[in-house]
Amino acid sequence: MFWQISFWILVVILVLPFPFKVFGYINGSDESALSVKIEESANAIFMSVGLVAFYGYINNQIYLSPIFWQAWLLIGVLWSIVAIFWSPKLAYATEIMGKNKMRIGAAIGCILYIPLFLAVYFYAFQT
């Protein structure tokens, strides 16, 4: 049950708002810098790909090869670590919300991604 709830929370966070974000980018209602938009979009798309492995793990179905998911996991973890030190989105969030609120939001985001990374790990290295 934990895995299903985690999966659907991430779907709601990553997939559901994406068309609205793109619409905001196109019509100009999102005033963030281009670097923020690129990072945000790339992150949402990349993490959404991980949802395929998460779904496969939950339902015991195979999608793509284990080596693909191992590479995805490595890139995802490295990307997340790099984002702690350099991220246009976090810099922009700091400007908008302040340093403390941004840190709280970033910490919540990290916690929400832990089940995704664990599920992809278990999925990629299952025997």
Protein backbone atom coordinates (compact mmCIF):
# COMPACT_ATOMS: atom_id res chain seq x y z
CA MET A 1 0.00 0.00 0.00
CA PHE A 2 2.90 2.37 0.81
CA TRP A 3 4.30 1.94 -2.71
CA GLN A 4 0.98 2.65 -4.41
CA ILE A 5 0.37 5.78 -2.34
CA SER A 6 3.91 7.02 -2.99
CA PHE A 7 3.53 6.34 -6.71
CA TRP A 8 0.27 8.26 -7.02
CA ILE A 9 1.56 11.18 -4.95
CA LEU A 10 4.48 11.50 -7.39
CA VAL A 11 2.15 11.22 -10.38
CA VAL A 12 0.09 14.07 -8.96
CA ILE A 13 3.21 16.15 -8.27
CA LEU A 14 5.07 15.45 -11.54
CA VAL A 15 2.64 14.56 -14.29
CA LEU A 16 -0.61 16.33 -13.47
CA PRO A 17 0.71 19.92 -13.29
CA PHE A 18 3.08 19.60 -16.28
CA PRO A 19 0.62 20.68 -19.02
CA PHE A 20 -0.37 23.69 -16.93
CA LYS A 21 3.29 24.64 -16.41
CA VAL A 22 3.94 24.42 -20.15
CA PHE A 23 0.86 26.53 -20.80
CA GLY A 24 2.18 29.11 -18.32
CA TYR A 25 5.51 29.14 -20.12
CA ILE A 26 3.86 29.63 -23.51
CA ASN A 27 1.40 32.35 -22.55
CA GLY A 28 3.97 34.22 -20.42
CA SER A 29 2.20 34.00 -17.06
CA ASP A 30 5.28 32.27 -15.57
CA GLU A 31 7.86 35.02 -15.06
CA SER A 32 10.76 32.79 -14.05
CA ALA A 33 14.03 32.84 -16.00
CA LEU A 34 14.56 30.53 -18.95
CA SER A 35 17.13 28.53 -16.96
CA VAL A 36 14.50 27.85 -14.29
CA LYS A 37 11.97 26.73 -16.89
CA ILE A 38 14.49 24.43 -18.57
CA GLU A 39 15.59 22.87 -15.28
CA GLU A 40 12.03 22.46 -14.05
CA SER A 41 10.85 20.87 -17.31
CA ALA A 42 13.87 18.60 -17.67
CA ASN A 43 13.55 17.46 -14.06
CA ALA A 44 9.82 16.74 -14.39
CA ILE A 45 10.31 14.78 -17.61
CA PHE A 46 13.30 12.84 -16.28
CA MET A 47 11.63 11.95 -12.98
CA SER A 48 8.43 11.00 -14.82
CA VAL A 49 10.42 8.43 -16.79
CA GLY A 50 11.35 6.91 -13.43
CA LEU A 51 7.66 6.47 -12.72
CA VAL A 52 7.63 3.77 -15.42
CA ALA A 53 10.06 1.68 -13.36
CA PHE A 54 8.13 2.52 -10.18
CA TYR A 55 4.93 1.24 -11.82
CA GLY A 56 6.76 -1.84 -13.07
CA TYR A 57 8.09 -2.53 -9.60
CA ILE A 58 4.65 -2.24 -8.02
CA ASN A 59 2.98 -4.46 -10.64
CA ASN A 60 5.87 -6.86 -11.25
CA GLN A 61 6.12 -5.95 -14.94
CA ILE A 62 9.28 -5.43 -16.94
CA TYR A 63 9.79 -2.23 -18.91
CA LEU A 64 13.14 -1.72 -20.62
CA SER A 65 16.35 -3.33 -19.39
CA PRO A 66 17.85 -3.32 -15.90
CA ILE A 67 20.93 -1.49 -17.25
CA PHE A 68 18.68 1.35 -18.45
CA TRP A 69 17.17 1.72 -14.98
CA GLN A 70 20.56 1.44 -13.30
CA ALA A 71 21.83 4.29 -15.50
CA TRP A 72 18.64 6.27 -14.84
CA LEU A 73 19.11 5.79 -11.11
CA LEU A 74 22.75 6.90 -11.21
CA ILE A 75 21.87 10.01 -13.21
CA GLY A 76 18.88 10.76 -10.96
CA VAL A 77 20.89 10.53 -7.75
CA LEU A 78 23.77 12.60 -9.19
CA TRP A 79 21.32 15.18 -10.54
CA SER A 80 19.68 15.45 -7.12
CA ILE A 81 23.03 15.91 -5.38
CA VAL A 82 24.20 18.55 -7.88
CA ALA A 83 20.90 20.41 -7.43
CA ILE A 84 21.72 20.91 -3.76
CA PHE A 85 24.76 23.00 -4.74
CA TRP A 86 23.61 24.54 -8.03
CA SER A 87 20.02 24.94 -9.13
CA PRO A 88 18.42 27.90 -10.89
CA LYS A 89 15.05 26.71 -9.61
CA LEU A 90 16.16 26.71 -5.97
CA ALA A 91 17.84 30.11 -6.40
CA TYR A 92 14.59 31.46 -7.87
CA ALA A 93 12.57 29.86 -5.07
CA THR A 94 14.86 31.53 -2.53
CA GLU A 95 14.14 34.91 -4.14
CA ILE A 96 10.40 34.29 -4.04
CA MET A 97 9.94 32.48 -0.70
CA GLY A 98 13.07 33.22 1.30
CA LYS A 99 15.89 30.89 2.31
CA ASN A 100 14.16 29.05 5.17
CA LYS A 101 10.93 28.29 3.29
CA MET A 102 12.92 27.18 0.25
CA ARG A 103 14.98 24.80 2.39
CA ILE A 104 11.83 23.34 3.93
CA GLY A 105 10.30 22.90 0.46
CA ALA A 106 13.48 21.32 -0.89
CA ALA A 107 13.64 18.93 2.07
CA ILE A 108 10.02 17.88 1.53
CA GLY A 109 10.78 17.35 -2.16
CA CYS A 110 13.78 15.15 -1.30
CA ILE A 111 11.68 13.07 1.08
CA LEU A 112 8.97 12.61 -1.57
CA TYR A 113 11.53 11.34 -4.10
CA ILE A 114 13.05 8.71 -1.77
CA PRO A 115 10.36 6.08 -2.59
CA LEU A 116 10.92 6.69 -6.32
CA PHE A 117 14.67 6.12 -6.03
CA LEU A 118 14.17 3.06 -3.81
CA ALA A 119 11.58 1.53 -6.14
CA VAL A 120 13.82 2.09 -9.17
CA TYR A 121 16.76 0.61 -7.25
CA PHE A 122 14.79 -2.50 -6.31
CA TYR A 123 13.41 -2.72 -9.86
CA ALA A 124 16.81 -2.30 -11.54
CA PHE A 125 18.63 -4.79 -9.34
CA GLN A 126 15.97 -7.44 -8.85
CA THR A 127 17.07 -10.97 -9.69
